[in-house]
Protein backbone atom coordinates (compact mmCIF):
# COMPACT_ATOMS: atom_id res chain seq x y z
CA MET A 1 2.65 -59.45 4.46
CA PRO A 2 -1.14 -61.31 4.72
CA GLY A 3 -3.69 -58.18 4.27
CA VAL A 4 -7.23 -58.52 5.79
CA THR A 5 -10.03 -59.71 3.66
CA ALA A 6 -13.14 -58.11 2.48
CA HIS A 7 -16.31 -59.38 4.18
CA GLY A 8 -19.74 -58.81 2.94
CA SER A 9 -19.96 -56.03 0.15
CA GLY A 10 -18.02 -53.05 2.07
CA PRO A 11 -18.83 -49.54 3.13
CA ASP A 12 -20.86 -47.15 1.04
CA LEU A 13 -18.17 -45.19 -0.13
CA SER A 14 -20.86 -42.57 -2.34
CA ALA A 15 -22.19 -41.89 1.44
CA ILE A 16 -18.93 -41.53 3.32
CA THR A 17 -18.29 -38.95 0.75
CA ARG A 18 -20.98 -37.09 0.54
CA ALA A 19 -21.13 -36.87 5.06
CA ALA A 20 -17.58 -35.75 4.59
CA SER A 21 -18.18 -33.34 2.54
CA ARG A 22 -21.43 -31.91 4.77
CA GLU A 23 -18.82 -31.78 7.05
CA ALA A 24 -16.30 -29.75 5.96
CA GLY A 25 -18.80 -27.48 4.88
CA GLY A 26 -19.61 -28.24 1.80
CA VAL A 27 -16.48 -29.13 0.30
CA PRO A 28 -17.09 -30.32 -3.33
CA PRO A 29 -16.80 -34.13 -2.86
CA GLY A 30 -15.33 -34.47 -6.22
CA LEU A 31 -11.61 -33.32 -4.73
CA LEU A 32 -11.78 -36.49 -3.00
CA GLY A 33 -11.14 -38.18 -6.23
CA ASP A 34 -10.65 -41.88 -5.81
CA TYR A 35 -9.03 -41.65 -2.36
CA LEU A 36 -11.96 -43.89 -0.63
CA PRO A 37 -11.36 -46.64 -3.03
CA ALA A 38 -7.57 -46.13 -2.45
CA VAL A 39 -7.47 -46.40 1.31
CA LEU A 40 -9.97 -49.15 1.34
CA GLU A 41 -7.38 -51.10 -0.88
CA ALA A 42 -4.51 -49.89 1.21
CA PHE A 43 -6.35 -51.01 4.40
CA ARG A 44 -7.30 -54.75 2.76
CA SER A 45 -3.51 -55.20 1.49
CA GLY A 46 -1.37 -52.93 3.37
CA ARG A 47 0.07 -50.78 0.02
CA ARG A 48 1.19 -47.37 0.10
CA LEU A 49 -0.55 -44.89 -2.20
CA SER A 50 0.90 -44.68 -5.83
CA ALA A 51 2.68 -41.51 -7.36
CA ALA A 52 -0.12 -41.70 -10.08
CA GLU A 53 -2.47 -41.72 -6.93
CA LEU A 54 -0.78 -38.89 -4.97
CA ALA A 55 -0.58 -36.50 -8.28
CA GLY A 56 -4.71 -36.87 -8.60
CA TYR A 57 -4.72 -35.28 -5.24
CA ALA A 58 -2.27 -32.99 -5.86
CA ARG A 59 -4.74 -31.92 -8.73
CA SER A 60 -7.43 -31.78 -6.37
CA GLY A 61 -5.94 -29.34 -4.54
CA GLU A 62 -4.68 -27.27 -7.28
CA GLN A 63 -8.42 -27.46 -8.16
CA ALA A 64 -9.78 -26.30 -4.43
CA ALA A 65 -7.35 -23.33 -4.19
CA GLU A 66 -8.48 -21.77 -8.26
CA GLY A 67 -12.02 -22.86 -7.03
CA GLY A 68 -12.05 -20.41 -4.01
CA VAL A 69 -11.63 -23.52 -1.41
CA ALA A 70 -10.21 -22.82 1.94
CA LEU A 71 -6.98 -25.05 2.23
CA GLY A 72 -8.60 -26.01 5.93
CA GLY A 73 -11.66 -27.30 4.31
CA LEU A 74 -9.90 -29.33 1.71
CA VAL A 75 -7.80 -31.00 4.88
CA ASP A 76 -11.07 -31.75 6.71
CA LEU A 77 -12.56 -32.99 3.83
CA TYR A 78 -9.95 -35.41 3.63
CA LEU A 79 -9.41 -36.68 7.08
CA SER A 80 -13.86 -36.57 7.50
CA ALA A 81 -13.39 -39.06 4.97
CA THR A 82 -10.75 -40.84 6.58
CA TRP A 83 -11.87 -41.50 9.98
CA ARG A 84 -15.99 -41.71 8.63
CA LEU A 85 -14.21 -45.10 6.44
CA TRP A 86 -12.57 -46.42 9.03
CA ARG A 87 -15.68 -46.89 11.26
CA GLU A 88 -17.49 -48.41 8.55
CA LEU A 89 -14.54 -51.14 7.77
CA PRO A 90 -15.42 -54.80 8.31
CA ALA A 91 -14.72 -56.25 11.62
CA GLY A 92 -13.02 -59.68 12.28
CA SER A 93 -10.64 -61.35 14.63
CA TYR A 94 -7.35 -60.13 13.22
CA SER A 95 -4.02 -60.92 14.79
CA PRO A 96 -2.40 -58.17 16.63
CA MET A 97 0.29 -57.87 13.82
CA VAL A 98 -2.12 -58.02 10.42
CA LEU A 99 -4.48 -55.11 12.63
CA ARG A 100 -1.38 -53.02 13.12
CA ALA A 101 -0.43 -53.51 9.63
CA ALA A 102 -3.85 -52.31 8.51
CA VAL A 103 -3.92 -49.38 10.91
CA LEU A 104 -0.64 -48.01 9.57
CA ALA A 105 -1.39 -48.34 5.86
CA VAL A 106 -4.29 -46.34 6.34
CA LEU A 107 -2.57 -43.91 8.75
CA HIS A 108 -0.40 -43.54 6.02
CA ALA A 109 -2.85 -43.48 3.01
CA ALA A 110 -4.09 -40.36 5.15
CA ASP A 111 -0.77 -38.62 5.34
CA ASP A 112 0.36 -38.96 1.81
CA ALA A 113 -2.58 -37.77 0.35
CA VAL A 114 -3.56 -35.00 2.55
CA ALA A 115 0.15 -34.19 2.17
CA ALA A 116 -0.57 -33.96 -1.69
CA ALA A 117 -3.77 -31.86 -1.54
CA ALA A 118 -2.01 -29.32 0.31
CA GLY A 119 1.26 -28.92 -1.67
CA GLY A 120 -0.91 -28.99 -5.35
CA PHE A 121 -3.12 -26.53 -3.05
CA GLU A 122 -0.35 -24.19 -1.83
CA ARG A 123 1.62 -24.58 -5.41
CA ALA A 124 -2.10 -23.15 -7.16
CA TYR A 125 -2.88 -20.52 -4.37
CA LEU A 126 0.58 -18.90 -4.79
CA SER A 127 0.23 -18.83 -8.89
CA VAL A 128 -3.52 -17.76 -8.42
CA ALA A 129 -2.29 -14.79 -5.90
CA ARG A 130 0.85 -13.76 -8.72
CA ARG A 131 -2.22 -13.75 -10.89
CA GLU A 132 -4.41 -11.62 -9.08
CA GLU A 133 -1.72 -9.21 -8.19
CA ALA A 134 -0.28 -8.49 -11.33
CA GLU A 135 -4.21 -7.60 -12.32
CA ARG A 136 -4.71 -5.73 -9.37
CA ARG A 137 -1.32 -3.46 -10.26
CA GLU A 138 -2.34 -3.96 -14.32
CA PHE A 139 -5.79 -2.21 -13.13
CA PHE A 140 -4.47 0.49 -10.60
CA GLU A 141 -1.59 1.41 -13.37
CA ASP A 142 -4.20 1.92 -16.24
CA LEU A 143 -6.61 3.79 -13.29
CA LEU A 144 -4.01 6.49 -11.88
CA SER A 145 -2.24 6.89 -15.59
CA GLY A 146 -5.89 7.62 -17.55
CA ARG A 147 -5.27 4.52 -19.96
CA GLY A 148 -8.56 2.41 -20.15
CA ALA A 149 -11.77 2.71 -21.53
CA VAL A 150 -14.43 4.06 -18.59
CA ALA A 151 -16.93 1.12 -19.03
CA ASP A 152 -13.94 -1.41 -18.47
CA LEU A 153 -12.01 0.28 -15.63
CA LEU A 154 -15.69 0.71 -13.69
CA VAL A 155 -16.16 -3.04 -14.34
CA ARG A 156 -12.33 -4.05 -13.16
CA GLY A 157 -13.05 -1.42 -10.04
CA GLU A 158 -16.16 -3.32 -8.88
CA ARG A 159 -14.53 -6.93 -9.06
CA LEU A 160 -11.39 -5.44 -6.68
CA GLY A 161 -14.65 -3.70 -4.31
CA LEU A 162 -13.88 -0.06 -6.04
CA ARG A 163 -16.94 1.77 -7.25
CA LEU A 164 -15.57 3.90 -9.03
CA ALA A 165 -18.71 5.94 -10.26
CA GLY A 166 -18.83 7.89 -7.05
CA PRO A 167 -16.44 10.15 -5.69
CA HIS A 168 -13.16 9.53 -4.44
CA GLN A 169 -10.44 11.15 -3.20
CA VAL A 170 -6.22 10.07 -3.74
CA MET A 171 -3.91 10.54 -1.66
CA LEU A 172 0.16 9.99 -1.94
CA VAL A 173 2.52 9.22 0.93
CA GLY A 174 6.22 9.57 0.22
CA SER A 175 9.22 10.27 2.30
CA ALA A 176 9.83 13.76 2.05
CA GLU A 177 13.50 13.68 0.12
CA SER A 178 13.83 11.59 -2.97
CA GLY A 179 15.99 8.68 -2.37
CA GLY A 180 14.78 9.42 1.61
CA SER A 181 15.75 6.01 3.99
CA VAL A 182 12.23 5.86 5.32
CA SER A 183 10.34 2.40 4.50
CA LEU A 184 6.57 2.80 4.08
CA THR A 185 6.79 -1.17 3.60
CA GLY A 186 4.38 -3.01 6.09
CA ILE A 187 2.68 0.59 6.52
CA HIS A 188 -0.38 0.69 4.69
CA SER A 189 -2.63 -2.23 5.80
CA ASP A 190 -2.28 -1.67 9.51
CA ALA A 191 -3.21 1.97 8.94
CA VAL A 192 -6.00 2.18 7.18
CA ALA A 193 -7.50 -1.07 8.92
CA ALA A 194 -7.01 1.25 12.28
CA GLU A 195 -8.97 3.74 10.59
CA ALA A 196 -12.46 2.07 12.05
CA ALA A 197 -14.43 4.76 9.93
CA ALA A 198 -12.35 4.39 6.49
CA PRO A 199 -14.85 3.33 3.57
CA SER A 200 -14.78 -0.47 2.72
CA SER A 201 -14.15 0.79 -0.80
CA SER A 202 -10.43 2.62 0.06
CA ARG A 203 -7.86 0.52 -1.74
CA VAL A 204 -3.65 1.03 -1.11
CA VAL A 205 -1.24 0.59 -3.84
CA SER A 206 2.39 1.16 -4.22
CA ARG A 207 3.64 2.85 -7.09
CA ARG A 208 6.84 4.49 -8.00
CA GLY A 209 8.20 4.34 -4.05
CA ARG A 210 5.08 6.05 -3.08
CA LEU A 211 1.81 4.78 -1.33
CA VAL A 212 -1.44 5.77 -3.23
CA VAL A 213 -4.52 5.49 -0.96
CA ILE A 214 -7.79 5.77 -3.11
CA VAL A 215 -10.74 6.93 -0.61
CA GLY A 216 -14.33 6.71 -1.42
CA SER A 217 -15.63 10.00 -0.35
CA VAL A 218 -19.41 9.88 0.50
CA GLY A 219 -19.39 12.16 4.03
CA GLY A 220 -16.06 14.39 2.49
CA ASP A 221 -13.94 13.81 5.61
CA GLU A 222 -13.08 10.28 5.10
CA ALA A 223 -10.01 11.28 3.60
CA ALA A 224 -8.78 13.39 6.54
CA GLY A 225 -9.45 10.39 8.74
CA VAL A 226 -7.32 7.80 6.69
CA ALA A 227 -4.61 10.21 6.59
CA ARG A 228 -4.52 10.83 10.47
CA ALA A 229 -4.44 6.89 11.10
CA LEU A 230 -1.43 7.00 8.57
CA ALA A 231 0.30 9.54 10.13
CA GLY A 232 0.18 7.90 13.14
CA ALA A 233 1.29 4.90 11.67
CA LEU A 234 4.38 6.67 10.18
CA ALA A 235 5.18 8.65 13.05
CA ARG A 236 5.40 5.25 15.19
CA GLN A 237 7.78 3.89 12.56
CA ALA A 238 9.77 6.73 12.29
CA THR A 239 10.47 6.45 15.64
CA GLY A 240 11.29 2.88 15.87
CA HIS A 241 13.92 2.68 13.04
CA ARG A 242 15.41 6.24 12.87
CA ALA A 243 17.60 7.63 15.61
CA ASP A 244 16.83 11.17 13.95
CA ALA A 245 13.29 10.83 13.60
CA ARG A 246 11.80 14.22 13.42
CA GLU A 247 10.37 14.80 17.25
CA PRO A 248 7.02 16.87 18.26
CA GLY A 249 8.03 20.74 17.94
CA ARG A 250 11.41 19.79 16.03
CA ASP A 251 11.97 22.17 13.57
CA GLY A 252 12.25 21.22 9.20
CA PRO A 253 9.95 19.24 7.36
CA PRO A 254 9.20 15.41 8.30
CA PRO A 255 11.12 12.24 6.94
CA TRP A 256 7.73 11.78 5.04
CA ARG A 257 4.63 13.27 4.17
CA ILE A 258 1.10 12.82 3.26
CA ALA A 259 -1.00 14.73 0.43
CA LEU A 260 -4.54 14.69 -0.11
CA GLY A 261 -5.92 15.69 -3.73
CA ARG A 262 -9.57 16.86 -3.83
CA SER A 263 -12.69 14.57 -4.49
CA TYR A 264 -14.02 13.98 -7.93
CA PRO A 265 -16.53 10.96 -9.42
CA GLY A 266 -15.73 8.78 -11.81
CA PRO A 267 -12.64 7.14 -12.89
CA SER A 268 -11.15 10.21 -14.41
CA GLY A 269 -11.77 12.03 -10.96
CA VAL A 270 -9.31 9.64 -9.30
CA VAL A 271 -6.97 10.51 -12.11
CA ARG A 272 -7.26 14.21 -11.28
CA SER A 273 -7.07 13.74 -7.46
CA TYR A 274 -3.98 11.84 -8.31
CA ASP A 275 -2.36 14.17 -9.88
CA GLU A 276 -3.51 16.96 -7.71
CA ALA A 277 -1.81 14.98 -4.98
CA ALA A 278 1.66 14.18 -6.80
CA ASP A 279 1.23 18.25 -7.73
CA ALA A 280 0.69 19.26 -3.66
CA LEU A 281 3.58 16.97 -2.47
CA ASP A 282 6.02 18.01 -5.21
CA ALA A 283 5.38 21.40 -4.22
CA ALA A 284 5.76 20.97 -0.44
CA GLN A 285 8.94 19.07 -0.99
CA ARG A 286 10.24 21.69 -2.89
CA LEU A 287 9.05 24.27 -0.21
CA GLY A 288 10.24 22.45 2.58
CA LEU A 289 7.29 23.02 4.38
CA ALA A 290 7.23 21.39 7.62
CA ASP A 291 3.67 19.89 7.71
CA GLU A 292 3.30 16.76 7.70
CA VAL A 293 -0.09 16.37 6.21
CA VAL A 294 -0.63 18.78 3.22
CA LYS A 295 -3.78 19.66 1.06
CA ALA A 296 -3.70 20.05 -2.72
CA ALA A 297 -6.57 22.90 -2.15
CA ASP A 298 -4.19 24.49 0.19
CA LEU A 299 -1.27 24.94 -2.03
CA LEU A 300 -3.18 25.78 -5.24
CA ILE A 301 -1.08 29.13 -5.49
CA TYR A 302 2.10 27.79 -5.29
CA GLN A 303 1.17 24.93 -8.21
CA VAL A 304 -0.41 28.11 -9.93
CA LEU A 305 3.41 29.71 -9.84
CA LEU A 306 4.57 26.06 -10.77
CA ARG A 307 2.63 25.96 -13.68
CA ASP A 308 4.05 29.28 -15.36
CA ARG A 309 7.79 28.40 -14.89
CA ALA A 310 9.21 30.89 -17.67
CA ALA A 311 7.18 33.79 -15.50
CA ILE A 312 8.43 32.71 -12.26
CA THR A 313 12.08 32.01 -13.68
CA ASP A 314 12.23 35.36 -15.06
CA LEU A 315 10.99 37.09 -11.46
CA VAL A 316 13.32 34.97 -9.87
CA GLN A 317 16.27 36.33 -11.91
CA THR A 318 15.09 40.19 -12.13
CA LEU A 319 14.84 40.40 -8.34
CA LEU A 320 17.05 38.25 -6.33
CA THR A 321 20.24 37.57 -8.96
CA PRO A 322 21.40 41.01 -7.22
CA LEU A 323 21.54 39.23 -3.92
CA THR A 324 24.21 36.85 -5.38
CA ARG A 325 26.79 39.69 -4.98
CA ALA A 326 26.27 39.77 -1.29
CA ARG A 327 29.46 38.67 0.93
CA GLY A 328 28.27 34.78 1.56
CA GLY A 329 25.80 34.59 -1.60
CA ALA A 330 22.30 34.66 -2.05
CA ALA A 331 21.21 31.89 0.35
CA PRO A 332 21.49 33.89 3.82
CA LEU A 333 19.61 36.62 2.65
CA LEU A 334 16.84 34.42 0.88
CA ALA A 335 16.56 32.42 4.23
CA THR A 336 15.98 35.46 5.88
CA LEU A 337 13.78 36.83 3.95
CA ASP A 338 11.81 33.71 4.27
CA ALA A 339 11.96 33.83 7.85
CA TYR A 340 10.73 37.54 7.90
CA TYR A 341 7.75 37.00 5.89
CA ALA A 342 7.20 33.55 7.54
CA ARG A 343 6.73 35.60 11.08
CA GLY A 344 4.35 38.62 9.32
CA GLY A 345 6.88 41.01 8.89
CA VAL A 346 8.31 40.79 12.21
CA ALA A 347 12.28 40.83 12.52
CA THR A 348 12.17 40.04 16.40
CA GLU A 349 10.13 36.46 15.52
CA ALA A 350 12.18 35.87 12.48
CA ALA A 351 15.50 36.25 14.39
CA GLY A 352 14.60 33.78 16.64
CA ASP A 353 13.96 30.97 13.94
CA LEU A 354 17.10 32.11 12.52
CA HIS A 355 19.10 31.78 16.20
CA LEU A 356 20.60 34.84 14.73
CA SER A 357 20.56 38.21 16.61
CA VAL A 358 17.61 41.07 15.32
CA ARG A 359 20.34 43.31 14.41
CA THR A 360 22.18 40.75 12.12
CA VAL A 361 18.28 39.95 10.70
CA THR A 362 17.79 44.06 10.25
CA TYR A 363 21.11 44.08 8.93
CA ARG A 364 20.62 41.64 6.02
CA LEU A 365 17.37 43.05 5.17
CA ALA A 366 18.51 46.26 4.84
CA ARG A 367 21.14 44.61 2.58
CA VAL A 368 18.26 42.82 0.03
CA ARG A 369 17.07 46.45 -0.31
CA GLU A 370 20.33 47.92 -1.31
CA LEU A 371 20.94 45.15 -3.46
CA THR A 372 17.57 44.89 -5.18
CA GLY A 373 16.23 48.16 -4.69
CA ARG A 374 12.96 46.53 -2.90
CA ASP A 375 12.37 47.56 0.81
CA PRO A 376 11.41 43.93 2.03
CA GLY A 377 8.96 45.95 4.57
CA ARG A 378 7.29 48.19 2.11
CA PRO A 379 3.85 46.03 1.45
CA ALA A 380 4.61 46.84 -2.67
CA ASP A 381 7.59 45.36 -2.87
CA ALA A 382 7.12 42.97 -0.29
CA LEU A 383 4.29 41.15 -2.06
CA ALA A 384 6.87 40.88 -4.97
CA LEU A 385 9.94 39.49 -3.16
CA GLN A 386 7.82 36.88 -1.12
CA VAL A 387 6.74 35.57 -4.00
CA ALA A 388 9.86 35.54 -5.40
CA VAL A 389 11.47 34.06 -2.58
CA ILE A 390 8.60 31.47 -2.88
CA GLY A 391 9.58 30.99 -6.19
CA ALA A 392 13.42 30.25 -5.75
CA ARG A 393 12.97 27.93 -3.07
CA MET A 394 10.12 25.89 -6.27
CA LEU A 395 13.17 26.47 -8.29
CA ASP A 396 15.77 25.23 -6.18
CA TRP A 397 17.54 28.40 -6.79
CA PRO A 398 20.50 29.46 -6.35
CA ALA A 399 21.86 25.75 -5.70
CA THR A 400 20.17 25.24 -9.03
CA ARG A 401 21.15 27.43 -11.84
CA LEU A 402 18.01 29.14 -13.64
CA GLU A 403 17.09 28.18 -17.51
CA HIS A 404 17.92 31.72 -18.15
CA GLU A 405 21.29 32.29 -16.69
């Protein structure tokens, strides 16, 4: 095919490159490589870009992604350079066939070069994203497990926008039962974004099947605000994805739960708050609490009981194992005691919660007194029985055998 012949000294490619870079928002002009000379040659000869040239533009795309250049800016650089070059190409009296071939050659060159650069960008971007995500996960694993030097964690956290020197509060979000079907995927980003007052230093990560939310604590109530946003998002998801989703006012534990640790400064404070939230979540699940949001500060008494497992096991075994001699076993009597104490020792209200007659409840309380020798209505006995019932729930007794049995 006859090409277009050159006229004069040709366009100033350096000036075109600089102008295209400015128009693209300051994208480095070097990312064009030898694109303009190649397009000029394509205009004159009608040839397509070579594989080696396309590979070079793909490398430019990779460099752009690794250097933090946006894909739109990279594409804009190439297209801006193309139309600026076209404006400077020599005019002449060309036959329609020759001119059409020259136009197609330039369009093909632009299309192929942009496609190659975009392909290189996407490959490198995915690689960078995977590397950054791996580094992010490694950092949070080191932070939450208490590994790593404090100075190193402070520096790495700063790179992720987490200023660990100040106070932070950790909350955990998990399904109420192990292996529960409530999915937490896609919840955290929308929920945290919905809480406009959430500090910019807040971060969310998934760990061991739970969401971990680290909230910068300045005024003291930031975590509570984020917890409310998360609770709302989880409730909407549960309503949309589960036919048996918990309705307002429905008895029993929620399908998910949020536990808040207390606020502490520094990397070690994050670990401490995380451990408190984990203990609070575990205690709430063992106790079957109906609360959707629990605070570690409100469950300290239960955590104290869990820490002295031998003592609470001994208390349960001493006070409650006689209940196993009752018809139907210990479980109905434990449920009755639990409801009775939850209602402040009012049998009529406990009967309503249990959907039983008052006569049945009072009969069961009498059986407890007969079997244990402790009167549920007598204050001194009530304290011991109530603590033992709490311990039984935390030890999952009688479904699980006690260590001393």
